[in-house]
């Protein structure tokens, strides 16, 4: 095989070398000429070395294609190196390769520099995650609270578990006699109703409900034996949060929706309420709006209203005369304290 065929074979794979060069230089600073020249030199050496190796390893290369006599296999490399024509051809190929590589580098710099800069920054950007109240929390959740953005299910579900733990602590801090007068509440996470999905069956919802409340299996999932109220945040169309509060003694469901006035016609997921009615073993359920609904005046704070209302429901277990008062900065500060690492 002649040196020209060898070069031709490498030229057919030049696109692959372009990709290699791009990957090699993608994360480097293009302004660093020393690094760029080093890469060029390494690429030249790599290609030249393989050109010679391919020639020396080819058993069919026994005749003097470039003007020298027949030699043994172990002398091929020496013969090629001494051949003026071979060296001239390699030199031209080396110069052409270098020019092509420099043009390619300029093309990458002109077309991909902004994207490369972003990629380079993202390579060193660390995303911290931690676990609070059985939820994976990240820096993004902190930024959501600091920049007045819509709450995620992670933040709300962390607050759900926090309120349940605080309720248990407050309840068992009372003496036995005082406990008998407390109408306890259990908050369920948003994942319960979210995992129902769409077009769910009774059996499907029952399986998810029992898996979520496995600790109540011995009670046959009859929550009425312990709790008076069951409350849960609900996400509507991955855009809006509202809250359902079931009274197991009065067989009622109170809907808290920060966007709907109490005088409005109730616009909630009736199929969902019916499914929960069956799971909670409530008969002839009565539905009503909370008097505190309809106070939202912006497009993002529904989740904050839900958290404030949950805090109110937790508080009235022990302080029945407390008033509901929505304070955005107060609930934001509380949520930040709860989810921070």
C-alpha atoms as a PDB file:
ATOM      1  CA  UNK A   1       0.000   0.000   0.000  1.00  0.00           C
ATOM      2  CA  UNK A   2       1.492   3.384  -1.020  1.00  0.00           C
ATOM      3  CA  UNK A   3       1.767   6.383   1.192  1.00  0.00           C
ATOM      4  CA  UNK A   4      -0.838   8.104  -0.973  1.00  0.00           C
ATOM      5  CA  UNK A   5      -3.385   5.379  -0.241  1.00  0.00           C
ATOM      6  CA  UNK A   6      -2.578   5.633   3.437  1.00  0.00           C
ATOM      7  CA  UNK A   7      -3.176   9.366   3.384  1.00  0.00           C
ATOM      8  CA  UNK A   8      -6.332   8.873   1.390  1.00  0.00           C
ATOM      9  CA  UNK A   9      -7.598   6.393   3.964  1.00  0.00           C
ATOM     10  CA  UNK A  10      -6.996   8.889   6.760  1.00  0.00           C
ATOM     11  CA  UNK A  11      -8.699  11.654   4.805  1.00  0.00           C
ATOM     12  CA  UNK A  12     -11.828   9.493   4.641  1.00  0.00           C
ATOM     13  CA  UNK A  13     -11.830   9.417   8.446  1.00  0.00           C
ATOM     14  CA  UNK A  14     -11.136  13.117   8.796  1.00  0.00           C
ATOM     15  CA  UNK A  15     -14.690  13.822   9.967  1.00  0.00           C
ATOM     16  CA  UNK A  16     -14.083  11.470  12.880  1.00  0.00           C
ATOM     17  CA  UNK A  17     -10.908  13.403  13.717  1.00  0.00           C
ATOM     18  CA  UNK A  18     -12.935  16.640  13.637  1.00  0.00           C
ATOM     19  CA  UNK A  19     -15.198  15.197  16.302  1.00  0.00           C
ATOM     20  CA  UNK A  20     -12.181  14.101  18.338  1.00  0.00           C
ATOM     21  CA  UNK A  21     -10.673  17.575  18.088  1.00  0.00           C
ATOM     22  CA  UNK A  22     -13.945  19.199  19.036  1.00  0.00           C
ATOM     23  CA  UNK A  23     -14.331  17.014  22.130  1.00  0.00           C
ATOM     24  CA  UNK A  24     -10.693  17.564  23.093  1.00  0.00           C
ATOM     25  CA  UNK A  25     -10.950  21.338  22.924  1.00  0.00           C
ATOM     26  CA  UNK A  26     -14.593  21.832  23.901  1.00  0.00           C
ATOM     27  CA  UNK A  27     -13.899  22.388  27.586  1.00  0.00           C
ATOM     28  CA  UNK A  28     -10.667  24.380  27.079  1.00  0.00           C
ATOM     29  CA  UNK A  29     -10.146  28.118  26.901  1.00  0.00           C
ATOM     30  CA  UNK A  30      -9.663  29.069  23.247  1.00  0.00           C
ATOM     31  CA  UNK A  31      -7.566  32.065  24.259  1.00  0.00           C
ATOM     32  CA  UNK A  32      -4.902  29.784  25.704  1.00  0.00           C
ATOM     33  CA  UNK A  33      -2.610  29.466  22.678  1.00  0.00           C
ATOM     34  CA  UNK A  34      -0.181  27.164  24.478  1.00  0.00           C
ATOM     35  CA  UNK A  35      -2.850  24.542  25.115  1.00  0.00           C
ATOM     36  CA  UNK A  36      -4.192  24.889  21.566  1.00  0.00           C
ATOM     37  CA  UNK A  37      -0.731  24.396  20.013  1.00  0.00           C
ATOM     38  CA  UNK A  38      -0.127  21.422  22.260  1.00  0.00           C
ATOM     39  CA  UNK A  39      -3.297  19.758  21.032  1.00  0.00           C
ATOM     40  CA  UNK A  40      -2.351  20.454  17.413  1.00  0.00           C
ATOM     41  CA  UNK A  41       1.088  18.925  17.933  1.00  0.00           C
ATOM     42  CA  UNK A  42      -0.393  15.842  19.580  1.00  0.00           C
ATOM     43  CA  UNK A  43      -2.827  15.383  16.704  1.00  0.00           C
ATOM     44  CA  UNK A  44      -0.043  15.706  14.118  1.00  0.00           C
ATOM     45  CA  UNK A  45       2.161  13.199  15.920  1.00  0.00           C
ATOM     46  CA  UNK A  46      -0.753  10.808  16.310  1.00  0.00           C
ATOM     47  CA  UNK A  47      -1.598  10.867  12.595  1.00  0.00           C
ATOM     48  CA  UNK A  48       2.015  10.686  11.354  1.00  0.00           C
ATOM     49  CA  UNK A  49       2.840   7.839  13.714  1.00  0.00           C
ATOM     50  CA  UNK A  50      -0.145   5.839  12.539  1.00  0.00           C
ATOM     51  CA  UNK A  51       0.680   6.513   8.879  1.00  0.00           C
ATOM     52  CA  UNK A  52       4.090   4.966   9.358  1.00  0.00           C
ATOM     53  CA  UNK A  53       2.752   2.105  11.487  1.00  0.00           C
ATOM     54  CA  UNK A  54       0.210   1.208   8.844  1.00  0.00           C
ATOM     55  CA  UNK A  55       2.971   1.105   6.258  1.00  0.00           C
ATOM     56  CA  UNK A  56       5.284  -1.049   8.340  1.00  0.00           C
ATOM     57  CA  UNK A  57       2.588  -3.509   9.346  1.00  0.00           C
ATOM     58  CA  UNK A  58       1.359  -4.133   5.810  1.00  0.00           C
ATOM     59  CA  UNK A  59       2.887  -7.382   4.574  1.00  0.00           C
ATOM     60  CA  UNK A  60       1.973  -6.588   0.984  1.00  0.00           C
ATOM     61  CA  UNK A  61       4.160  -3.484   0.959  1.00  0.00           C
ATOM     62  CA  UNK A  62       7.254  -5.254  -0.450  1.00  0.00           C
ATOM     63  CA  UNK A  63       8.066  -3.223  -3.534  1.00  0.00           C
ATOM     64  CA  UNK A  64       9.546   0.237  -3.878  1.00  0.00           C
ATOM     65  CA  UNK A  65       6.513   2.336  -4.720  1.00  0.00           C
ATOM     66  CA  UNK A  66       8.494   5.445  -3.950  1.00  0.00           C
ATOM     67  CA  UNK A  67      11.689   4.581  -5.812  1.00  0.00           C
ATOM     68  CA  UNK A  68      13.656   2.430  -3.370  1.00  0.00           C
ATOM     69  CA  UNK A  69      14.509  -1.276  -3.600  1.00  0.00           C
ATOM     70  CA  UNK A  70      12.743  -4.186  -2.017  1.00  0.00           C
ATOM     71  CA  UNK A  71      13.526  -4.430   1.713  1.00  0.00           C
ATOM     72  CA  UNK A  72      12.689  -6.622   4.645  1.00  0.00           C
ATOM     73  CA  UNK A  73       9.703  -6.025   6.842  1.00  0.00           C
ATOM     74  CA  UNK A  74      11.745  -4.661   9.744  1.00  0.00           C
ATOM     75  CA  UNK A  75      13.393  -2.117   7.405  1.00  0.00           C
ATOM     76  CA  UNK A  76      10.195  -0.593   6.046  1.00  0.00           C
ATOM     77  CA  UNK A  77      10.078   2.185   8.586  1.00  0.00           C
ATOM     78  CA  UNK A  78      13.709   3.173   7.887  1.00  0.00           C
ATOM     79  CA  UNK A  79      13.088   3.112   4.140  1.00  0.00           C
ATOM     80  CA  UNK A  80      10.029   5.335   4.434  1.00  0.00           C
ATOM     81  CA  UNK A  81      11.801   7.795   6.693  1.00  0.00           C
ATOM     82  CA  UNK A  82      14.722   8.046   4.219  1.00  0.00           C
ATOM     83  CA  UNK A  83      12.495   8.460   1.227  1.00  0.00           C
ATOM     84  CA  UNK A  84      12.471  12.084   0.121  1.00  0.00           C
ATOM     85  CA  UNK A  85       9.175  11.697  -1.666  1.00  0.00           C
ATOM     86  CA  UNK A  86       7.527  10.075   1.306  1.00  0.00           C
ATOM     87  CA  UNK A  87       8.763  12.779   3.640  1.00  0.00           C
ATOM     88  CA  UNK A  88       7.705  15.483   1.214  1.00  0.00           C
ATOM     89  CA  UNK A  89       4.249  13.973   0.934  1.00  0.00           C
ATOM     90  CA  UNK A  90       3.953  13.680   4.702  1.00  0.00           C
ATOM     91  CA  UNK A  91       5.180  17.234   5.112  1.00  0.00           C
ATOM     92  CA  UNK A  92       2.537  18.530   2.729  1.00  0.00           C
ATOM     93  CA  UNK A  93      -0.095  16.472   4.459  1.00  0.00           C
ATOM     94  CA  UNK A  94       1.132  17.788   7.817  1.00  0.00           C
ATOM     95  CA  UNK A  95       0.859  21.405   6.677  1.00  0.00           C
ATOM     96  CA  UNK A  96      -2.548  20.835   5.116  1.00  0.00           C
ATOM     97  CA  UNK A  97      -3.741  19.113   8.249  1.00  0.00           C
ATOM     98  CA  UNK A  98      -2.502  21.964  10.403  1.00  0.00           C
ATOM     99  CA  UNK A  99      -4.280  24.547   8.243  1.00  0.00           C
ATOM    100  CA  UNK A 100      -7.471  22.488   8.261  1.00  0.00           C
ATOM    101  CA  UNK A 101      -7.256  22.083  12.011  1.00  0.00           C
ATOM    102  CA  UNK A 102      -6.746  25.832  12.552  1.00  0.00           C
ATOM    103  CA  UNK A 103      -9.738  26.586  10.321  1.00  0.00           C
ATOM    104  CA  UNK A 104     -11.774  24.086  12.285  1.00  0.00           C
ATOM    105  CA  UNK A 105     -10.710  25.683  15.574  1.00  0.00           C
ATOM    106  CA  UNK A 106     -11.740  29.104  14.301  1.00  0.00           C
ATOM    107  CA  UNK A 107     -15.069  27.708  13.150  1.00  0.00           C
ATOM    108  CA  UNK A 108     -15.693  26.174  16.566  1.00  0.00           C
ATOM    109  CA  UNK A 109     -14.677  29.397  18.265  1.00  0.00           C
ATOM    110  CA  UNK A 110     -16.957  31.537  16.080  1.00  0.00           C
ATOM    111  CA  UNK A 111     -20.006  29.280  16.190  1.00  0.00           C
ATOM    112  CA  UNK A 112     -19.792  27.492  19.532  1.00  0.00           C
ATOM    113  CA  UNK A 113     -17.970  29.843  21.881  1.00  0.00           C
ATOM    114  CA  UNK A 114     -21.055  31.081  23.793  1.00  0.00           C
ATOM    115  CA  UNK A 115     -22.422  27.549  24.094  1.00  0.00           C
ATOM    116  CA  UNK A 116     -18.989  26.264  25.146  1.00  0.00           C
ATOM    117  CA  UNK A 117     -18.776  28.933  27.808  1.00  0.00           C
ATOM    118  CA  UNK A 118     -22.128  27.880  29.220  1.00  0.00           C
ATOM    119  CA  UNK A 119     -21.090  24.230  29.099  1.00  0.00           C
ATOM    120  CA  UNK A 120     -17.850  25.028  30.844  1.00  0.00           C
ATOM    121  CA  UNK A 121     -19.696  26.892  33.576  1.00  0.00           C
ATOM    122  CA  UNK A 122     -22.201  24.073  33.998  1.00  0.00           C
ATOM    123  CA  UNK A 123     -19.350  21.566  34.376  1.00  0.00           C
ATOM    124  CA  UNK A 124     -18.199  23.337  37.516  1.00  0.00           C
ATOM    125  CA  UNK A 125     -21.669  24.265  38.739  1.00  0.00           C
ATOM    126  CA  UNK A 126     -22.610  22.044  41.645  1.00  0.00           C
ATOM    127  CA  UNK A 127     -26.203  21.259  42.470  1.00  0.00           C
ATOM    128  CA  UNK A 128     -26.626  20.438  46.140  1.00  0.00           C
ATOM    129  CA  UNK A 129     -29.401  18.130  47.302  1.00  0.00           C
ATOM    130  CA  UNK A 130     -30.359  17.122  50.793  1.00  0.00           C
ATOM    131  CA  UNK A 131     -33.239  15.399  52.558  1.00  0.00           C
ATOM    132  CA  UNK A 132     -35.622  17.195  54.917  1.00  0.00           C
ATOM    133  CA  UNK A 133     -38.825  15.700  56.245  1.00  0.00           C
ATOM    134  CA  UNK A 134     -38.629  12.761  53.874  1.00  0.00           C
ATOM    135  CA  UNK A 135     -38.308  15.008  50.809  1.00  0.00           C
ATOM    136  CA  UNK A 136     -35.373  15.658  48.505  1.00  0.00           C
ATOM    137  CA  UNK A 137     -34.682  19.370  48.664  1.00  0.00           C
ATOM    138  CA  UNK A 138     -32.299  21.340  46.449  1.00  0.00           C
ATOM    139  CA  UNK A 139     -30.954  24.846  45.970  1.00  0.00           C
ATOM    140  CA  UNK A 140     -33.757  25.382  43.444  1.00  0.00           C
ATOM    141  CA  UNK A 141     -36.353  25.008  46.195  1.00  0.00           C
ATOM    142  CA  UNK A 142     -34.578  27.682  48.233  1.00  0.00           C
ATOM    143  CA  UNK A 143     -34.546  29.966  45.178  1.00  0.00           C
ATOM    144  CA  UNK A 144     -38.281  29.380  44.661  1.00  0.00           C
ATOM    145  CA  UNK A 145     -39.029  30.707  48.135  1.00  0.00           C
ATOM    146  CA  UNK A 146     -36.583  33.582  47.857  1.00  0.00           C
ATOM    147  CA  UNK A 147     -37.916  34.743  44.488  1.00  0.00           C
ATOM    148  CA  UNK A 148     -41.686  34.407  44.944  1.00  0.00           C
ATOM    149  CA  UNK A 149     -42.263  31.482  42.586  1.00  0.00           C
ATOM    150  CA  UNK A 150     -44.807  28.655  42.649  1.00  0.00           C
ATOM    151  CA  UNK A 151     -44.221  26.056  45.334  1.00  0.00           C
ATOM    152  CA  UNK A 152     -43.221  22.532  44.366  1.00  0.00           C
ATOM    153  CA  UNK A 153     -44.675  19.346  45.816  1.00  0.00           C
ATOM    154  CA  UNK A 154     -41.358  18.728  47.616  1.00  0.00           C
ATOM    155  CA  UNK A 155     -41.735  21.929  49.643  1.00  0.00           C
ATOM    156  CA  UNK A 156     -45.418  21.325  50.416  1.00  0.00           C
ATOM    157  CA  UNK A 157     -44.953  17.649  51.326  1.00  0.00           C
ATOM    158  CA  UNK A 158     -42.024  18.521  53.594  1.00  0.00           C
ATOM    159  CA  UNK A 159     -44.332  20.970  55.349  1.00  0.00           C
ATOM    160  CA  UNK A 160     -47.045  18.282  55.584  1.00  0.00           C
ATOM    161  CA  UNK A 161     -44.731  15.938  57.485  1.00  0.00           C
ATOM    162  CA  UNK A 162     -43.443  18.810  59.620  1.00  0.00           C
ATOM    163  CA  UNK A 163     -47.011  19.707  60.687  1.00  0.00           C
ATOM    164  CA  UNK A 164     -47.835  16.074  61.460  1.00  0.00           C
ATOM    165  CA  UNK A 165     -44.764  15.723  63.660  1.00  0.00           C
ATOM    166  CA  UNK A 166     -45.473  19.006  65.432  1.00  0.00           C
ATOM    167  CA  UNK A 167     -49.089  17.956  65.994  1.00  0.00           C
ATOM    168  CA  UNK A 168     -48.003  14.654  67.517  1.00  0.00           C
ATOM    169  CA  UNK A 169     -45.525  16.423  69.779  1.00  0.00           C
ATOM    170  CA  UNK A 170     -48.095  18.968  70.953  1.00  0.00           C
ATOM    171  CA  UNK A 171     -50.762  16.318  71.440  1.00  0.00           C
ATOM    172  CA  UNK A 172     -48.642  14.022  73.577  1.00  0.00           C
ATOM    173  CA  UNK A 173     -47.347  16.947  75.614  1.00  0.00           C
ATOM    174  CA  UNK A 174     -50.877  17.284  77.044  1.00  0.00           C
ATOM    175  CA  UNK A 175     -52.096  15.184  79.921  1.00  0.00           C
ATOM    176  CA  UNK A 176     -54.491  12.365  79.174  1.00  0.00           C
ATOM    177  CA  UNK A 177     -57.562  14.222  80.321  1.00  0.00           C
ATOM    178  CA  UNK A 178     -56.937  17.206  78.046  1.00  0.00           C
ATOM    179  CA  UNK A 179     -56.224  14.990  75.066  1.00  0.00           C
ATOM    180  CA  UNK A 180     -59.831  13.774  75.052  1.00  0.00           C
ATOM    181  CA  UNK A 181     -61.039  17.215  74.025  1.00  0.00           C
ATOM    182  CA  UNK A 182     -58.681  17.591  71.079  1.00  0.00           C
ATOM    183  CA  UNK A 183     -60.044  17.046  67.555  1.00  0.00           C
ATOM    184  CA  UNK A 184     -56.928  15.752  65.885  1.00  0.00           C
ATOM    185  CA  UNK A 185     -55.989  16.272  62.258  1.00  0.00           C
ATOM    186  CA  UNK A 186     -53.854  14.166  59.930  1.00  0.00           C
ATOM    187  CA  UNK A 187     -52.312  15.769  56.839  1.00  0.00           C
ATOM    188  CA  UNK A 188     -51.738  13.555  53.804  1.00  0.00           C
ATOM    189  CA  UNK A 189     -49.057  14.381  51.201  1.00  0.00           C
ATOM    190  CA  UNK A 190     -49.715  15.606  47.680  1.00  0.00           C
ATOM    191  CA  UNK A 191     -48.275  12.368  46.288  1.00  0.00           C
ATOM    192  CA  UNK A 192     -51.403  10.491  47.372  1.00  0.00           C
ATOM    193  CA  UNK A 193     -53.795  12.143  44.925  1.00  0.00           C
ATOM    194  CA  UNK A 194     -51.077  12.741  42.312  1.00  0.00           C
ATOM    195  CA  UNK A 195     -50.389   9.004  42.117  1.00  0.00           C
ATOM    196  CA  UNK A 196     -54.052   8.334  41.390  1.00  0.00           C
ATOM    197  CA  UNK A 197     -53.368   9.573  37.868  1.00  0.00           C
ATOM    198  CA  UNK A 198     -56.257   9.954  35.426  1.00  0.00           C
ATOM    199  CA  UNK A 199     -59.232   7.682  34.765  1.00  0.00           C
ATOM    200  CA  UNK A 200     -58.502   5.720  37.937  1.00  0.00           C
ATOM    201  CA  UNK A 201     -60.560   2.851  39.322  1.00  0.00           C
ATOM    202  CA  UNK A 202     -61.658   2.264  42.908  1.00  0.00           C
ATOM    203  CA  UNK A 203     -59.231  -0.625  43.251  1.00  0.00           C
ATOM    204  CA  UNK A 204     -56.352   1.485  41.983  1.00  0.00           C
ATOM    205  CA  UNK A 205     -57.024   4.307  44.448  1.00  0.00           C
ATOM    206  CA  UNK A 206     -57.468   1.816  47.279  1.00  0.00           C
ATOM    207  CA  UNK A 207     -54.081   0.238  46.605  1.00  0.00           C
ATOM    208  CA  UNK A 208     -52.332   3.611  46.617  1.00  0.00           C
ATOM    209  CA  UNK A 209     -54.235   4.786  49.707  1.00  0.00           C
ATOM    210  CA  UNK A 210     -53.385   1.675  51.722  1.00  0.00           C
ATOM    211  CA  UNK A 211     -49.725   1.814  50.650  1.00  0.00           C
ATOM    212  CA  UNK A 212     -49.530   5.433  51.801  1.00  0.00           C
ATOM    213  CA  UNK A 213     -51.201   4.681  55.161  1.00  0.00           C
ATOM    214  CA  UNK A 214     -49.646   1.318  55.881  1.00  0.00           C
ATOM    215  CA  UNK A 215     -49.119   2.242  59.550  1.00  0.00           C
ATOM    216  CA  UNK A 216     -52.910   2.153  59.998  1.00  0.00           C
ATOM    217  CA  UNK A 217     -53.316  -1.358  58.632  1.00  0.00           C
ATOM    218  CA  UNK A 218     -54.152  -2.787  62.057  1.00  0.00           C
ATOM    219  CA  UNK A 219     -57.048  -0.319  62.275  1.00  0.00           C
ATOM    220  CA  UNK A 220     -58.314  -1.520  58.915  1.00  0.00           C
ATOM    221  CA  UNK A 221     -57.521   2.010  57.702  1.00  0.00           C
ATOM    222  CA  UNK A 222     -60.376   3.420  59.778  1.00  0.00           C
ATOM    223  CA  UNK A 223     -58.835   6.815  60.547  1.00  0.00           C
ATOM    224  CA  UNK A 224     -61.956   7.939  62.413  1.00  0.00           C
ATOM    225  CA  UNK A 225     -60.770   5.971  65.434  1.00  0.00           C
ATOM    226  CA  UNK A 226     -57.888   8.443  65.921  1.00  0.00           C
ATOM    227  CA  UNK A 227     -58.559  11.578  63.882  1.00  0.00           C
ATOM    228  CA  UNK A 228     -61.431  13.960  63.416  1.00  0.00           C
ATOM    229  CA  UNK A 229     -60.028  15.720  60.354  1.00  0.00           C
ATOM    230  CA  UNK A 230     -58.102  14.534  57.302  1.00  0.00           C
ATOM    231  CA  UNK A 231     -56.546  17.263  55.192  1.00  0.00           C
ATOM    232  CA  UNK A 232     -54.623  17.109  51.931  1.00  0.00           C
ATOM    233  CA  UNK A 233     -53.176  19.573  49.422  1.00  0.00           C
ATOM    234  CA  UNK A 234     -54.233  18.861  45.838  1.00  0.00           C
ATOM    235  CA  UNK A 235     -52.549  19.944  42.633  1.00  0.00           C
ATOM    236  CA  UNK A 236     -54.817  20.950  39.769  1.00  0.00           C
ATOM    237  CA  UNK A 237     -53.422  20.465  36.248  1.00  0.00           C
ATOM    238  CA  UNK A 238     -49.860  20.901  37.506  1.00  0.00           C
ATOM    239  CA  UNK A 239     -50.591  24.611  37.888  1.00  0.00           C
ATOM    240  CA  UNK A 240     -52.751  25.397  40.921  1.00  0.00           C
ATOM    241  CA  UNK A 241     -52.876  24.239  44.551  1.00  0.00           C
ATOM    242  CA  UNK A 242     -55.988  23.942  46.697  1.00  0.00           C
ATOM    243  CA  UNK A 243     -56.800  22.085  49.915  1.00  0.00           C
ATOM    244  CA  UNK A 244     -59.423  19.522  50.969  1.00  0.00           C
ATOM    245  CA  UNK A 245     -60.390  19.176  54.630  1.00  0.00           C
ATOM    246  CA  UNK A 246     -62.576  16.186  55.485  1.00  0.00           C
ATOM    247  CA  UNK A 247     -64.501  16.156  58.762  1.00  0.00           C
ATOM    248  CA  UNK A 248     -64.984  12.482  59.642  1.00  0.00           C
ATOM    249  CA  UNK A 249     -67.551  13.227  62.337  1.00  0.00           C
ATOM    250  CA  UNK A 250     -69.692  15.679  60.404  1.00  0.00           C
ATOM    251  CA  UNK A 251     -69.286  13.831  57.079  1.00  0.00           C
ATOM    252  CA  UNK A 252     -68.274  17.027  55.314  1.00  0.00           C
ATOM    253  CA  UNK A 253     -65.570  18.269  52.983  1.00  0.00           C
ATOM    254  CA  UNK A 254     -64.380  21.870  53.176  1.00  0.00           C
ATOM    255  CA  UNK A 255     -62.641  23.162  50.058  1.00  0.00           C
ATOM    256  CA  UNK A 256     -60.033  25.861  50.549  1.00  0.00           C
ATOM    257  CA  UNK A 257     -59.168  27.514  47.236  1.00  0.00           C
ATOM    258  CA  UNK A 258     -57.325  30.832  47.268  1.00  0.00           C
ATOM    259  CA  UNK A 259     -58.632  31.700  43.785  1.00  0.00           C
ATOM    260  CA  UNK A 260     -62.325  30.890  44.261  1.00  0.00           C
ATOM    261  CA  UNK A 261     -64.631  33.104  46.264  1.00  0.00           C
ATOM    262  CA  UNK A 262     -66.878  31.286  48.778  1.00  0.00           C
ATOM    263  CA  UNK A 263     -69.889  32.594  46.858  1.00  0.00           C
ATOM    264  CA  UNK A 264     -68.732  31.070  43.569  1.00  0.00           C
ATOM    265  CA  UNK A 265     -69.872  27.765  42.143  1.00  0.00           C
ATOM    266  CA  UNK A 266     -67.468  25.061  43.333  1.00  0.00           C
ATOM    267  CA  UNK A 267     -64.954  24.231  40.603  1.00  0.00           C
ATOM    268  CA  UNK A 268     -62.993  21.234  41.905  1.00  0.00           C
ATOM    269  CA  UNK A 269     -62.306  17.664  40.846  1.00  0.00           C
ATOM    270  CA  UNK A 270     -65.594  15.962  41.785  1.00  0.00           C
ATOM    271  CA  UNK A 271     -64.303  12.527  40.767  1.00  0.00           C
ATOM    272  CA  UNK A 272     -61.375  12.936  43.167  1.00  0.00           C
ATOM    273  CA  UNK A 273     -63.627  13.967  46.055  1.00  0.00           C
ATOM    274  CA  UNK A 274     -65.886  10.977  45.392  1.00  0.00           C
ATOM    275  CA  UNK A 275     -62.888   8.601  45.425  1.00  0.00           C
ATOM    276  CA  UNK A 276     -61.629  10.067  48.713  1.00  0.00           C
ATOM    277  CA  UNK A 277     -65.126   9.862  50.172  1.00  0.00           C
ATOM    278  CA  UNK A 278     -65.088   6.105  49.587  1.00  0.00           C
ATOM    279  CA  UNK A 279     -61.570   5.653  50.935  1.00  0.00           C
ATOM    280  CA  UNK A 280     -62.347   7.611  54.106  1.00  0.00           C
ATOM    281  CA  UNK A 281     -65.600   5.661  54.536  1.00  0.00           C
ATOM    282  CA  UNK A 282     -67.798   8.752  54.582  1.00  0.00           C
ATOM    283  CA  UNK A 283     -71.483   8.519  53.675  1.00  0.00           C
ATOM    284  CA  UNK A 284     -73.622  11.328  52.283  1.00  0.00           C
ATOM    285  CA  UNK A 285     -70.743  13.763  52.096  1.00  0.00           C
ATOM    286  CA  UNK A 286     -71.566  17.462  52.317  1.00  0.00           C
ATOM    287  CA  UNK A 287     -69.296  19.898  50.413  1.00  0.00           C
ATOM    288  CA  UNK A 288     -68.690  23.526  51.202  1.00  0.00           C
ATOM    289  CA  UNK A 289     -66.207  26.335  50.597  1.00  0.00           C
ATOM    290  CA  UNK A 290     -63.970  27.648  53.348  1.00  0.00           C
ATOM    291  CA  UNK A 291     -64.798  31.227  54.315  1.00  0.00           C
ATOM    292  CA  UNK A 292     -61.098  32.018  53.913  1.00  0.00           C
ATOM    293  CA  UNK A 293     -61.042  31.111  50.215  1.00  0.00           C
ATOM    294  CA  UNK A 294     -60.552  33.642  47.406  1.00  0.00           C
ATOM    295  CA  UNK A 295     -57.860  35.849  48.964  1.00  0.00           C
ATOM    296  CA  UNK A 296     -55.187  35.350  46.289  1.00  0.00           C
ATOM    297  CA  UNK A 297     -54.391  38.474  44.245  1.00  0.00           C
ATOM    298  CA  UNK A 298     -51.414  37.268  42.182  1.00  0.00           C
ATOM    299  CA  UNK A 299     -50.527  34.384  39.901  1.00  0.00           C
ATOM    300  CA  UNK A 300     -48.110  32.377  42.030  1.00  0.00           C
ATOM    301  CA  UNK A 301     -49.040  32.301  45.741  1.00  0.00           C
ATOM    302  CA  UNK A 302     -51.665  29.514  45.794  1.00  0.00           C
ATOM    303  CA  UNK A 303     -49.185  27.118  47.402  1.00  0.00           C
ATOM    304  CA  UNK A 304     -48.335  29.653  50.112  1.00  0.00           C
ATOM    305  CA  UNK A 305     -52.033  30.105  50.862  1.00  0.00           C
ATOM    306  CA  UNK A 306     -52.449  26.330  51.184  1.00  0.00           C
ATOM    307  CA  UNK A 307     -49.484  26.104  53.582  1.00  0.00           C
ATOM    308  CA  UNK A 308     -50.861  28.986  55.665  1.00  0.00           C
ATOM    309  CA  UNK A 309     -54.256  27.284  55.821  1.00  0.00           C
ATOM    310  CA  UNK A 310     -52.676  23.977  56.852  1.00  0.00           C
ATOM    311  CA  UNK A 311     -50.828  25.789  59.616  1.00  0.00           C
ATOM    312  CA  UNK A 312     -54.149  27.285  60.733  1.00  0.00           C
ATOM    313  CA  UNK A 313     -55.794  23.818  60.784  1.00  0.00           C
ATOM    314  CA  UNK A 314     -52.933  22.435  62.852  1.00  0.00           C
ATOM    315  CA  UNK A 315     -53.124  25.337  65.325  1.00  0.00           C
ATOM    316  CA  UNK A 316     -56.876  25.203  65.987  1.00  0.00           C
ATOM    317  CA  UNK A 317     -56.509  21.661  67.328  1.00  0.00           C
ATOM    318  CA  UNK A 318     -55.032  23.202  70.451  1.00  0.00           C
ATOM    319  CA  UNK A 319     -56.188  26.838  70.155  1.00  0.00           C
ATOM    320  CA  UNK A 320     -59.755  26.756  68.802  1.00  0.00           C
ATOM    321  CA  UNK A 321     -60.216  30.527  68.973  1.00  0.00           C
ATOM    322  CA  UNK A 322     -57.231  31.470  66.811  1.00  0.00           C
ATOM    323  CA  UNK A 323     -57.989  33.571  63.701  1.00  0.00           C
ATOM    324  CA  UNK A 324     -56.846  32.855  60.155  1.00  0.00           C
ATOM    325  CA  UNK A 325     -54.521  35.510  58.798  1.00  0.00           C
ATOM    326  CA  UNK A 326     -52.515  35.095  55.588  1.00  0.00           C
ATOM    327  CA  UNK A 327     -49.057  36.677  55.766  1.00  0.00           C
ATOM    328  CA  UNK A 328     -46.898  35.829  52.770  1.00  0.00           C
ATOM    329  CA  UNK A 329     -43.545  36.834  54.240  1.00  0.00           C
ATOM    330  CA  UNK A 330     -44.265  34.963  57.442  1.00  0.00           C
ATOM    331  CA  UNK A 331     -45.101  31.659  55.750  1.00  0.00           C
ATOM    332  CA  UNK A 332     -42.157  32.029  53.336  1.00  0.00           C
ATOM    333  CA  UNK A 333     -39.779  32.527  56.256  1.00  0.00           C
ATOM    334  CA  UNK A 334     -41.227  29.491  58.003  1.00  0.00           C
ATOM    335  CA  UNK A 335     -40.906  27.271  54.920  1.00  0.00           C
ATOM    336  CA  UNK A 336     -37.310  28.403  54.384  1.00  0.00           C
ATOM    337  CA  UNK A 337     -36.432  27.527  57.950  1.00  0.00           C
ATOM    338  CA  UNK A 338     -38.001  24.086  57.567  1.00  0.00           C
ATOM    339  CA  UNK A 339     -36.354  23.010  54.302  1.00  0.00           C
ATOM    340  CA  UNK A 340     -32.929  24.599  54.723  1.00  0.00           C
ATOM    341  CA  UNK A 341     -30.040  22.193  55.105  1.00  0.00           C
END
